[in-house]
mmCIF file of all heavy atoms, coordinates in Angstrom:
data_MODEL
# 
_entry.id   MODEL 
# 
loop_
_atom_site.group_PDB 
_atom_site.id 
_atom_site.type_symbol 
_atom_site.label_atom_id 
_atom_site.label_alt_id 
_atom_site.label_comp_id 
_atom_site.label_asym_id 
_atom_site.label_entity_id 
_atom_site.label_seq_id 
_atom_site.pdbx_PDB_ins_code 
_atom_site.Cartn_x 
_atom_site.Cartn_y 
_atom_site.Cartn_z 
_atom_site.occupancy 
_atom_site.B_iso_or_equiv 
_atom_site.pdbx_formal_charge 
_atom_site.auth_seq_id 
_atom_site.auth_comp_id 
_atom_site.auth_asym_id 
_atom_site.auth_atom_id 
_atom_site.pdbx_PDB_model_num 
ATOM 1   N N   . THR A 1 1  ? 0.933  -1.271 0.022  1.00 0.00 ? 1  THR A N   1 
ATOM 2   C CA  . THR A 1 1  ? -0.009 0.089  0.048  1.00 0.00 ? 1  THR A CA  1 
ATOM 3   C C   . THR A 1 1  ? 0.875  1.288  -0.003 1.00 0.00 ? 1  THR A C   1 
ATOM 4   O O   . THR A 1 1  ? 2.120  1.113  0.173  1.00 0.00 ? 1  THR A O   1 
ATOM 5   C CB  . THR A 1 1  ? -0.866 -0.080 1.168  1.00 0.00 ? 1  THR A CB  1 
ATOM 6   O OG1 . THR A 1 1  ? -1.864 1.048  1.067  1.00 0.00 ? 1  THR A OG1 1 
ATOM 7   C CG2 . THR A 1 1  ? -0.191 0.072  2.467  1.00 0.00 ? 1  THR A CG2 1 
ATOM 8   N N   . TYR A 1 2  ? 0.352  2.394  -0.280 1.00 0.00 ? 2  TYR A N   1 
ATOM 9   C CA  . TYR A 1 2  ? 1.120  3.663  -0.356 1.00 0.00 ? 2  TYR A CA  1 
ATOM 10  C C   . TYR A 1 2  ? 0.487  4.661  0.644  1.00 0.00 ? 2  TYR A C   1 
ATOM 11  O O   . TYR A 1 2  ? -0.655 4.779  0.841  1.00 0.00 ? 2  TYR A O   1 
ATOM 12  C CB  . TYR A 1 2  ? 0.990  4.216  -1.715 1.00 0.00 ? 2  TYR A CB  1 
ATOM 13  C CG  . TYR A 1 2  ? 1.577  3.299  -2.779 1.00 0.00 ? 2  TYR A CG  1 
ATOM 14  C CD1 . TYR A 1 2  ? 0.787  2.381  -3.455 1.00 0.00 ? 2  TYR A CD1 1 
ATOM 15  C CD2 . TYR A 1 2  ? 2.950  3.338  -3.021 1.00 0.00 ? 2  TYR A CD2 1 
ATOM 16  C CE1 . TYR A 1 2  ? 1.402  1.590  -4.426 1.00 0.00 ? 2  TYR A CE1 1 
ATOM 17  C CE2 . TYR A 1 2  ? 3.428  2.513  -3.954 1.00 0.00 ? 2  TYR A CE2 1 
ATOM 18  C CZ  . TYR A 1 2  ? 2.688  1.572  -4.612 1.00 0.00 ? 2  TYR A CZ  1 
ATOM 19  O OH  . TYR A 1 2  ? 3.316  0.777  -5.540 1.00 0.00 ? 2  TYR A OH  1 
ATOM 20  N N   . VAL A 1 3  ? 1.446  5.259  1.383  1.00 0.00 ? 3  VAL A N   1 
ATOM 21  C CA  . VAL A 1 3  ? 1.133  6.227  2.449  1.00 0.00 ? 3  VAL A CA  1 
ATOM 22  C C   . VAL A 1 3  ? 1.538  7.640  1.875  1.00 0.00 ? 3  VAL A C   1 
ATOM 23  O O   . VAL A 1 3  ? 2.813  7.741  1.655  1.00 0.00 ? 3  VAL A O   1 
ATOM 24  C CB  . VAL A 1 3  ? 1.878  5.950  3.801  1.00 0.00 ? 3  VAL A CB  1 
ATOM 25  C CG1 . VAL A 1 3  ? 1.574  7.015  4.702  1.00 0.00 ? 3  VAL A CG1 1 
ATOM 26  C CG2 . VAL A 1 3  ? 1.333  4.596  4.338  1.00 0.00 ? 3  VAL A CG2 1 
ATOM 27  N N   . ALA A 1 4  ? 0.617  8.447  1.590  1.00 0.00 ? 4  ALA A N   1 
ATOM 28  C CA  . ALA A 1 4  ? 0.946  9.885  1.126  1.00 0.00 ? 4  ALA A CA  1 
ATOM 29  C C   . ALA A 1 4  ? 1.449  10.674 2.208  1.00 0.00 ? 4  ALA A C   1 
ATOM 30  O O   . ALA A 1 4  ? 0.860  10.780 3.221  1.00 0.00 ? 4  ALA A O   1 
ATOM 31  C CB  . ALA A 1 4  ? -0.365 10.365 0.436  1.00 0.00 ? 4  ALA A CB  1 
ATOM 32  N N   . LEU A 1 5  ? 2.626  11.331 1.907  1.00 0.00 ? 5  LEU A N   1 
ATOM 33  C CA  . LEU A 1 5  ? 3.089  12.335 2.924  1.00 0.00 ? 5  LEU A CA  1 
ATOM 34  C C   . LEU A 1 5  ? 2.550  13.595 2.457  1.00 0.00 ? 5  LEU A C   1 
ATOM 35  O O   . LEU A 1 5  ? 2.292  14.011 1.388  1.00 0.00 ? 5  LEU A O   1 
ATOM 36  C CB  . LEU A 1 5  ? 4.611  12.309 2.679  1.00 0.00 ? 5  LEU A CB  1 
ATOM 37  C CG  . LEU A 1 5  ? 5.368  11.018 3.139  1.00 0.00 ? 5  LEU A CG  1 
ATOM 38  C CD1 . LEU A 1 5  ? 6.850  11.195 2.907  1.00 0.00 ? 5  LEU A CD1 1 
ATOM 39  C CD2 . LEU A 1 5  ? 5.028  10.623 4.585  1.00 0.00 ? 5  LEU A CD2 1 
ATOM 40  N N   . ASP A 1 6  ? 2.349  14.588 3.628  1.00 0.00 ? 6  ASP A N   1 
ATOM 41  C CA  . ASP A 1 6  ? 1.846  15.972 3.360  1.00 0.00 ? 6  ASP A CA  1 
ATOM 42  C C   . ASP A 1 6  ? 3.014  16.550 2.477  1.00 0.00 ? 6  ASP A C   1 
ATOM 43  O O   . ASP A 1 6  ? 4.197  16.528 2.776  1.00 0.00 ? 6  ASP A O   1 
ATOM 44  C CB  . ASP A 1 6  ? 1.606  16.535 4.706  1.00 0.00 ? 6  ASP A CB  1 
ATOM 45  C CG  . ASP A 1 6  ? 0.539  15.893 5.371  1.00 0.00 ? 6  ASP A CG  1 
ATOM 46  O OD1 . ASP A 1 6  ? -0.375 15.251 4.828  1.00 0.00 ? 6  ASP A OD1 1 
ATOM 47  O OD2 . ASP A 1 6  ? 0.585  15.951 6.667  1.00 0.00 ? 6  ASP A OD2 1 
ATOM 48  N N   . PRO A 1 7  ? 2.568  17.490 1.535  1.00 0.00 ? 7  PRO A N   1 
ATOM 49  C CA  . PRO A 1 7  ? 3.500  18.251 0.821  1.00 0.00 ? 7  PRO A CA  1 
ATOM 50  C C   . PRO A 1 7  ? 4.326  19.242 1.716  1.00 0.00 ? 7  PRO A C   1 
ATOM 51  O O   . PRO A 1 7  ? 3.793  19.786 2.740  1.00 0.00 ? 7  PRO A O   1 
ATOM 52  C CB  . PRO A 1 7  ? 2.638  19.112 -0.143 1.00 0.00 ? 7  PRO A CB  1 
ATOM 53  C CG  . PRO A 1 7  ? 1.368  18.329 -0.225 1.00 0.00 ? 7  PRO A CG  1 
ATOM 54  C CD  . PRO A 1 7  ? 1.088  17.720 1.097  1.00 0.00 ? 7  PRO A CD  1 
ATOM 55  N N   . LEU A 1 8  ? 5.597  19.317 1.363  1.00 0.00 ? 8  LEU A N   1 
ATOM 56  C CA  . LEU A 1 8  ? 6.463  20.180 1.995  1.00 0.00 ? 8  LEU A CA  1 
ATOM 57  C C   . LEU A 1 8  ? 6.924  21.367 1.219  1.00 0.00 ? 8  LEU A C   1 
ATOM 58  O O   . LEU A 1 8  ? 7.177  21.241 -0.005 1.00 0.00 ? 8  LEU A O   1 
ATOM 59  C CB  . LEU A 1 8  ? 7.728  19.455 2.591  1.00 0.00 ? 8  LEU A CB  1 
ATOM 60  C CG  . LEU A 1 8  ? 7.530  18.230 3.441  1.00 0.00 ? 8  LEU A CG  1 
ATOM 61  C CD1 . LEU A 1 8  ? 9.043  17.571 3.628  1.00 0.00 ? 8  LEU A CD1 1 
ATOM 62  C CD2 . LEU A 1 8  ? 7.150  18.690 4.913  1.00 0.00 ? 8  LEU A CD2 1 
ATOM 63  N N   . ILE A 1 9  ? 6.934  22.564 1.899  1.00 0.00 ? 9  ILE A N   1 
ATOM 64  C CA  . ILE A 1 9  ? 7.455  23.699 1.198  1.00 0.00 ? 9  ILE A CA  1 
ATOM 65  C C   . ILE A 1 9  ? 8.639  24.248 2.043  1.00 0.00 ? 9  ILE A C   1 
ATOM 66  O O   . ILE A 1 9  ? 8.457  24.459 3.199  1.00 0.00 ? 9  ILE A O   1 
ATOM 67  C CB  . ILE A 1 9  ? 6.414  24.796 0.988  1.00 0.00 ? 9  ILE A CB  1 
ATOM 68  C CG1 . ILE A 1 9  ? 5.302  24.348 0.013  1.00 0.00 ? 9  ILE A CG1 1 
ATOM 69  C CG2 . ILE A 1 9  ? 7.072  26.049 0.478  1.00 0.00 ? 9  ILE A CG2 1 
ATOM 70  C CD1 . ILE A 1 9  ? 4.228  25.310 -0.066 1.00 0.00 ? 9  ILE A CD1 1 
ATOM 71  N N   . ILE A 1 10 ? 9.822  24.144 1.510  1.00 0.00 ? 10 ILE A N   1 
ATOM 72  C CA  . ILE A 1 10 ? 11.064 24.230 2.214  1.00 0.00 ? 10 ILE A CA  1 
ATOM 73  C C   . ILE A 1 10 ? 11.749 25.606 1.750  1.00 0.00 ? 10 ILE A C   1 
ATOM 74  O O   . ILE A 1 10 ? 12.074 25.694 0.564  1.00 0.00 ? 10 ILE A O   1 
ATOM 75  C CB  . ILE A 1 10 ? 11.953 23.192 2.172  1.00 0.00 ? 10 ILE A CB  1 
ATOM 76  C CG1 . ILE A 1 10 ? 11.246 21.885 2.620  1.00 0.00 ? 10 ILE A CG1 1 
ATOM 77  C CG2 . ILE A 1 10 ? 13.372 23.296 2.875  1.00 0.00 ? 10 ILE A CG2 1 
ATOM 78  C CD1 . ILE A 1 10 ? 11.640 20.523 2.097  1.00 0.00 ? 10 ILE A CD1 1 
ATOM 79  N N   . SER A 1 11 ? 11.990 26.512 2.579  1.00 0.00 ? 11 SER A N   1 
ATOM 80  C CA  . SER A 1 11 ? 12.775 27.740 2.202  1.00 0.00 ? 11 SER A CA  1 
ATOM 81  C C   . SER A 1 11 ? 14.146 27.339 2.264  1.00 0.00 ? 11 SER A C   1 
ATOM 82  O O   . SER A 1 11 ? 14.771 26.760 3.149  1.00 0.00 ? 11 SER A O   1 
ATOM 83  C CB  . SER A 1 11 ? 12.560 28.762 3.267  1.00 0.00 ? 11 SER A CB  1 
ATOM 84  O OG  . SER A 1 11 ? 12.870 28.475 4.439  1.00 0.00 ? 11 SER A OG  1 
ATOM 85  N N   . LEU A 1 12 ? 14.855 27.827 1.209  1.00 0.00 ? 12 LEU A N   1 
ATOM 86  C CA  . LEU A 1 12 ? 16.335 27.527 0.869  1.00 0.00 ? 12 LEU A CA  1 
ATOM 87  C C   . LEU A 1 12 ? 17.102 28.726 0.714  1.00 0.00 ? 12 LEU A C   1 
ATOM 88  O O   . LEU A 1 12 ? 16.618 29.783 0.197  1.00 0.00 ? 12 LEU A O   1 
ATOM 89  C CB  . LEU A 1 12 ? 16.446 26.703 -0.399 1.00 0.00 ? 12 LEU A CB  1 
ATOM 90  C CG  . LEU A 1 12 ? 15.706 25.433 -0.510 1.00 0.00 ? 12 LEU A CG  1 
ATOM 91  C CD1 . LEU A 1 12 ? 15.705 24.846 -1.924 1.00 0.00 ? 12 LEU A CD1 1 
ATOM 92  C CD2 . LEU A 1 12 ? 16.157 24.421 0.510  1.00 0.00 ? 12 LEU A CD2 1 
ATOM 93  N N   . GLY A 1 13 ? 18.384 28.699 1.118  1.00 0.00 ? 13 GLY A N   1 
ATOM 94  C CA  . GLY A 1 13 ? 19.221 29.680 0.892  1.00 0.00 ? 13 GLY A CA  1 
ATOM 95  C C   . GLY A 1 13 ? 18.976 30.958 1.815  1.00 0.00 ? 13 GLY A C   1 
ATOM 96  O O   . GLY A 1 13 ? 17.823 31.280 2.109  1.00 0.00 ? 13 GLY A O   1 
ATOM 97  N N   . SER A 1 14 ? 20.096 31.709 2.047  1.00 0.00 ? 14 SER A N   1 
ATOM 98  C CA  . SER A 1 14 ? 19.902 33.072 2.859  1.00 0.00 ? 14 SER A CA  1 
ATOM 99  C C   . SER A 1 14 ? 20.015 34.157 1.948  1.00 0.00 ? 14 SER A C   1 
ATOM 100 O O   . SER A 1 14 ? 19.498 35.294 2.371  1.00 0.00 ? 14 SER A O   1 
ATOM 101 C CB  . SER A 1 14 ? 21.025 33.034 3.834  1.00 0.00 ? 14 SER A CB  1 
ATOM 102 O OG  . SER A 1 14 ? 22.251 33.013 3.388  1.00 0.00 ? 14 SER A OG  1 
ATOM 103 N N   . LYS A 1 15 ? 20.656 34.091 0.837  1.00 0.00 ? 15 LYS A N   1 
ATOM 104 C CA  . LYS A 1 15 ? 20.804 35.269 -0.073 1.00 0.00 ? 15 LYS A CA  1 
ATOM 105 C C   . LYS A 1 15 ? 19.552 35.653 -0.808 1.00 0.00 ? 15 LYS A C   1 
ATOM 106 O O   . LYS A 1 15 ? 19.025 36.703 -0.600 1.00 0.00 ? 15 LYS A O   1 
ATOM 107 C CB  . LYS A 1 15 ? 21.887 34.934 -1.149 1.00 0.00 ? 15 LYS A CB  1 
ATOM 108 C CG  . LYS A 1 15 ? 23.304 34.814 -0.421 1.00 0.00 ? 15 LYS A CG  1 
ATOM 109 C CD  . LYS A 1 15 ? 24.319 34.435 -1.554 1.00 0.00 ? 15 LYS A CD  1 
ATOM 110 C CE  . LYS A 1 15 ? 25.508 34.157 -0.798 1.00 0.00 ? 15 LYS A CE  1 
ATOM 111 N NZ  . LYS A 1 15 ? 26.542 33.716 -1.716 1.00 0.00 ? 15 LYS A NZ  1 
ATOM 112 N N   . ALA A 1 16 ? 19.043 34.815 -1.706 1.00 0.00 ? 16 ALA A N   1 
ATOM 113 C CA  . ALA A 1 16 ? 17.795 35.095 -2.466 1.00 0.00 ? 16 ALA A CA  1 
ATOM 114 C C   . ALA A 1 16 ? 16.757 34.128 -1.925 1.00 0.00 ? 16 ALA A C   1 
ATOM 115 O O   . ALA A 1 16 ? 17.176 32.843 -1.858 1.00 0.00 ? 16 ALA A O   1 
ATOM 116 C CB  . ALA A 1 16 ? 18.101 34.919 -3.971 1.00 0.00 ? 16 ALA A CB  1 
ATOM 117 N N   . PRO A 1 17 ? 15.630 34.441 -1.675 1.00 0.00 ? 17 PRO A N   1 
ATOM 118 C CA  . PRO A 1 17 ? 14.634 33.622 -1.089 1.00 0.00 ? 17 PRO A CA  1 
ATOM 119 C C   . PRO A 1 17 ? 14.272 32.660 -2.265 1.00 0.00 ? 17 PRO A C   1 
ATOM 120 O O   . PRO A 1 17 ? 13.759 32.955 -3.264 1.00 0.00 ? 17 PRO A O   1 
ATOM 121 C CB  . PRO A 1 17 ? 13.451 34.480 -0.772 1.00 0.00 ? 17 PRO A CB  1 
ATOM 122 C CG  . PRO A 1 17 ? 13.644 35.731 -1.429 1.00 0.00 ? 17 PRO A CG  1 
ATOM 123 C CD  . PRO A 1 17 ? 15.124 35.809 -1.680 1.00 0.00 ? 17 PRO A CD  1 
ATOM 124 N N   . ARG A 1 18 ? 14.471 31.333 -2.000 1.00 0.00 ? 18 ARG A N   1 
ATOM 125 C CA  . ARG A 1 18 ? 13.998 30.296 -2.940 1.00 0.00 ? 18 ARG A CA  1 
ATOM 126 C C   . ARG A 1 18 ? 13.234 29.254 -2.070 1.00 0.00 ? 18 ARG A C   1 
ATOM 127 O O   . ARG A 1 18 ? 13.522 29.092 -0.948 1.00 0.00 ? 18 ARG A O   1 
ATOM 128 C CB  . ARG A 1 18 ? 15.215 29.646 -3.589 1.00 0.00 ? 18 ARG A CB  1 
ATOM 129 C CG  . ARG A 1 18 ? 16.057 30.650 -4.426 1.00 0.00 ? 18 ARG A CG  1 
ATOM 130 C CD  . ARG A 1 18 ? 17.063 30.036 -5.244 1.00 0.00 ? 18 ARG A CD  1 
ATOM 131 N NE  . ARG A 1 18 ? 16.469 29.320 -6.420 1.00 0.00 ? 18 ARG A NE  1 
ATOM 132 C CZ  . ARG A 1 18 ? 17.296 28.671 -7.172 1.00 0.00 ? 18 ARG A CZ  1 
ATOM 133 N NH1 . ARG A 1 18 ? 18.536 28.614 -7.086 1.00 0.00 ? 18 ARG A NH1 1 
ATOM 134 N NH2 . ARG A 1 18 ? 16.593 27.902 -8.224 1.00 0.00 ? 18 ARG A NH2 1 
ATOM 135 N N   . HIS A 1 19 ? 12.450 28.486 -2.824 1.00 0.00 ? 19 HIS A N   1 
ATOM 136 C CA  . HIS A 1 19 ? 11.639 27.528 -2.094 1.00 0.00 ? 19 HIS A CA  1 
ATOM 137 C C   . HIS A 1 19 ? 11.571 26.172 -2.970 1.00 0.00 ? 19 HIS A C   1 
ATOM 138 O O   . HIS A 1 19 ? 11.688 26.220 -4.133 1.00 0.00 ? 19 HIS A O   1 
ATOM 139 C CB  . HIS A 1 19 ? 10.210 28.066 -1.974 1.00 0.00 ? 19 HIS A CB  1 
ATOM 140 C CG  . HIS A 1 19 ? 9.989  29.284 -1.081 1.00 0.00 ? 19 HIS A CG  1 
ATOM 141 N ND1 . HIS A 1 19 ? 10.310 30.517 -1.467 1.00 0.00 ? 19 HIS A ND1 1 
ATOM 142 C CD2 . HIS A 1 19 ? 9.937  29.249 0.296  1.00 0.00 ? 19 HIS A CD2 1 
ATOM 143 C CE1 . HIS A 1 19 ? 10.138 31.276 -0.480 1.00 0.00 ? 19 HIS A CE1 1 
ATOM 144 N NE2 . HIS A 1 19 ? 9.880  30.582 0.696  1.00 0.00 ? 19 HIS A NE2 1 
ATOM 145 N N   . LEU A 1 20 ? 11.434 24.965 -2.152 1.00 0.00 ? 20 LEU A N   1 
ATOM 146 C CA  . LEU A 1 20 ? 11.328 23.828 -2.834 1.00 0.00 ? 20 LEU A CA  1 
ATOM 147 C C   . LEU A 1 20 ? 10.077 23.198 -2.379 1.00 0.00 ? 20 LEU A C   1 
ATOM 148 O O   . LEU A 1 20 ? 9.767  23.139 -1.224 1.00 0.00 ? 20 LEU A O   1 
ATOM 149 C CB  . LEU A 1 20 ? 12.485 22.816 -2.217 1.00 0.00 ? 20 LEU A CB  1 
ATOM 150 C CG  . LEU A 1 20 ? 12.332 21.424 -2.613 1.00 0.00 ? 20 LEU A CG  1 
ATOM 151 C CD1 . LEU A 1 20 ? 12.489 21.219 -4.177 1.00 0.00 ? 20 LEU A CD1 1 
ATOM 152 C CD2 . LEU A 1 20 ? 13.278 20.570 -1.845 1.00 0.00 ? 20 LEU A CD2 1 
ATOM 153 N N   . ARG A 1 21 ? 9.224  22.798 -3.462 1.00 0.00 ? 21 ARG A N   1 
ATOM 154 C CA  . ARG A 1 21 ? 7.933  22.085 -3.019 1.00 0.00 ? 21 ARG A CA  1 
ATOM 155 C C   . ARG A 1 21 ? 8.238  20.690 -3.311 1.00 0.00 ? 21 ARG A C   1 
ATOM 156 O O   . ARG A 1 21 ? 8.645  20.225 -4.340 1.00 0.00 ? 21 ARG A O   1 
ATOM 157 C CB  . ARG A 1 21 ? 6.858  22.607 -3.981 1.00 0.00 ? 21 ARG A CB  1 
ATOM 158 C CG  . ARG A 1 21 ? 5.585  21.925 -3.634 1.00 0.00 ? 21 ARG A CG  1 
ATOM 159 C CD  . ARG A 1 21 ? 4.303  22.658 -4.299 1.00 0.00 ? 21 ARG A CD  1 
ATOM 160 N NE  . ARG A 1 21 ? 3.146  21.911 -4.315 1.00 0.00 ? 21 ARG A NE  1 
ATOM 161 C CZ  . ARG A 1 21 ? 2.306  21.944 -3.307 1.00 0.00 ? 21 ARG A CZ  1 
ATOM 162 N NH1 . ARG A 1 21 ? 2.664  22.564 -2.146 1.00 0.00 ? 21 ARG A NH1 1 
ATOM 163 N NH2 . ARG A 1 21 ? 1.292  21.201 -3.222 1.00 0.00 ? 21 ARG A NH2 1 
ATOM 164 N N   . PHE A 1 22 ? 7.942  19.882 -2.351 1.00 0.00 ? 22 PHE A N   1 
ATOM 165 C CA  . PHE A 1 22 ? 8.242  18.391 -2.304 1.00 0.00 ? 22 PHE A CA  1 
ATOM 166 C C   . PHE A 1 22 ? 7.054  17.637 -1.805 1.00 0.00 ? 22 PHE A C   1 
ATOM 167 O O   . PHE A 1 22 ? 6.498  18.036 -0.737 1.00 0.00 ? 22 PHE A O   1 
ATOM 168 C CB  . PHE A 1 22 ? 9.449  18.154 -1.383 1.00 0.00 ? 22 PHE A CB  1 
ATOM 169 C CG  . PHE A 1 22 ? 9.874  16.778 -1.242 1.00 0.00 ? 22 PHE A CG  1 
ATOM 170 C CD1 . PHE A 1 22 ? 10.613 16.080 -2.243 1.00 0.00 ? 22 PHE A CD1 1 
ATOM 171 C CD2 . PHE A 1 22 ? 9.374  15.944 -0.212 1.00 0.00 ? 22 PHE A CD2 1 
ATOM 172 C CE1 . PHE A 1 22 ? 10.890 14.736 -2.063 1.00 0.00 ? 22 PHE A CE1 1 
ATOM 173 C CE2 . PHE A 1 22 ? 9.704  14.646 -0.050 1.00 0.00 ? 22 PHE A CE2 1 
ATOM 174 C CZ  . PHE A 1 22 ? 10.479 14.019 -1.088 1.00 0.00 ? 22 PHE A CZ  1 
ATOM 175 N N   . SER A 1 23 ? 6.630  16.663 -2.583 1.00 0.00 ? 23 SER A N   1 
ATOM 176 C CA  . SER A 1 23 ? 5.648  15.696 -2.123 1.00 0.00 ? 23 SER A CA  1 
ATOM 177 C C   . SER A 1 23 ? 6.085  14.305 -2.437 1.00 0.00 ? 23 SER A C   1 
ATOM 178 O O   . SER A 1 23 ? 6.746  14.041 -3.503 1.00 0.00 ? 23 SER A O   1 
ATOM 179 C CB  . SER A 1 23 ? 4.308  16.099 -2.517 1.00 0.00 ? 23 SER A CB  1 
ATOM 180 O OG  . SER A 1 23 ? 4.193  15.960 -3.924 1.00 0.00 ? 23 SER A OG  1 
ATOM 181 N N   . ALA A 1 24 ? 5.721  13.347 -1.617 1.00 0.00 ? 24 ALA A N   1 
ATOM 182 C CA  . ALA A 1 24 ? 6.130  11.997 -1.867 1.00 0.00 ? 24 ALA A CA  1 
ATOM 183 C C   . ALA A 1 24 ? 5.186  10.981 -1.234 1.00 0.00 ? 24 ALA A C   1 
ATOM 184 O O   . ALA A 1 24 ? 4.154  11.397 -0.435 1.00 0.00 ? 24 ALA A O   1 
ATOM 185 C CB  . ALA A 1 24 ? 7.447  11.719 -1.360 1.00 0.00 ? 24 ALA A CB  1 
ATOM 186 N N   . GLN A 1 25 ? 5.353  9.734  -1.728 1.00 0.00 ? 25 GLN A N   1 
ATOM 187 C CA  . GLN A 1 25 ? 4.456  8.593  -1.053 1.00 0.00 ? 25 GLN A CA  1 
ATOM 188 C C   . GLN A 1 25 ? 5.445  7.503  -0.658 1.00 0.00 ? 25 GLN A C   1 
ATOM 189 O O   . GLN A 1 25 ? 6.457  7.324  -1.326 1.00 0.00 ? 25 GLN A O   1 
ATOM 190 C CB  . GLN A 1 25 ? 3.450  8.117  -2.032 1.00 0.00 ? 25 GLN A CB  1 
ATOM 191 C CG  . GLN A 1 25 ? 2.383  9.057  -2.405 1.00 0.00 ? 25 GLN A CG  1 
ATOM 192 C CD  . GLN A 1 25 ? 1.254  8.419  -3.146 1.00 0.00 ? 25 GLN A CD  1 
ATOM 193 O OE1 . GLN A 1 25 ? 1.255  7.239  -3.332 1.00 0.00 ? 25 GLN A OE1 1 
ATOM 194 N NE2 . GLN A 1 25 ? 0.219  9.236  -3.503 1.00 0.00 ? 25 GLN A NE2 1 
ATOM 195 N N   . LEU A 1 26 ? 5.084  6.842  0.394  1.00 0.00 ? 26 LEU A N   1 
ATOM 196 C CA  . LEU A 1 26 ? 5.981  5.680  0.839  1.00 0.00 ? 26 LEU A CA  1 
ATOM 197 C C   . LEU A 1 26 ? 5.329  4.384  0.425  1.00 0.00 ? 26 LEU A C   1 
ATOM 198 O O   . LEU A 1 26 ? 4.083  4.233  0.621  1.00 0.00 ? 26 LEU A O   1 
ATOM 199 C CB  . LEU A 1 26 ? 6.075  5.840  2.332  1.00 0.00 ? 26 LEU A CB  1 
ATOM 200 C CG  . LEU A 1 26 ? 6.631  7.081  2.973  1.00 0.00 ? 26 LEU A CG  1 
ATOM 201 C CD1 . LEU A 1 26 ? 6.592  7.025  4.482  1.00 0.00 ? 26 LEU A CD1 1 
ATOM 202 C CD2 . LEU A 1 26 ? 8.073  7.348  2.471  1.00 0.00 ? 26 LEU A CD2 1 
ATOM 203 N N   . GLU A 1 27 ? 6.113  3.559  -0.034 1.00 0.00 ? 27 GLU A N   1 
ATOM 204 C CA  . GLU A 1 27 ? 5.578  2.123  -0.481 1.00 0.00 ? 27 GLU A CA  1 
ATOM 205 C C   . GLU A 1 27 ? 5.815  1.376  0.824  1.00 0.00 ? 27 GLU A C   1 
ATOM 206 O O   . GLU A 1 27 ? 6.883  1.157  1.350  1.00 0.00 ? 27 GLU A O   1 
ATOM 207 C CB  . GLU A 1 27 ? 6.326  1.653  -1.603 1.00 0.00 ? 27 GLU A CB  1 
ATOM 208 C CG  . GLU A 1 27 ? 5.950  0.290  -2.066 1.00 0.00 ? 27 GLU A CG  1 
ATOM 209 C CD  . GLU A 1 27 ? 6.656  -0.284 -3.253 1.00 0.00 ? 27 GLU A CD  1 
ATOM 210 O OE1 . GLU A 1 27 ? 6.647  0.441  -4.247 1.00 0.00 ? 27 GLU A OE1 1 
ATOM 211 O OE2 . GLU A 1 27 ? 7.290  -1.368 -3.194 1.00 0.00 ? 27 GLU A OE2 1 
ATOM 212 N N   . VAL A 1 28 ? 4.701  0.851  1.376  1.00 0.00 ? 28 VAL A N   1 
ATOM 213 C CA  . VAL A 1 28 ? 4.613  0.033  2.707  1.00 0.00 ? 28 VAL A CA  1 
ATOM 214 C C   . VAL A 1 28 ? 3.909  -1.251 2.565  1.00 0.00 ? 28 VAL A C   1 
ATOM 215 O O   . VAL A 1 28 ? 2.903  -1.225 1.973  1.00 0.00 ? 28 VAL A O   1 
ATOM 216 C CB  . VAL A 1 28 ? 3.920  1.048  3.681  1.00 0.00 ? 28 VAL A CB  1 
ATOM 217 C CG1 . VAL A 1 28 ? 3.906  0.383  5.029  1.00 0.00 ? 28 VAL A CG1 1 
ATOM 218 C CG2 . VAL A 1 28 ? 4.723  2.404  3.756  1.00 0.00 ? 28 VAL A CG2 1 
# 
């Protein structure tokens, strides 16, 4: 079965504000 993880929005870097949007599922 698959367990969906909540989407993550991660702020990156200190100079220019950049963001990473990440979502995944776990095979369990």
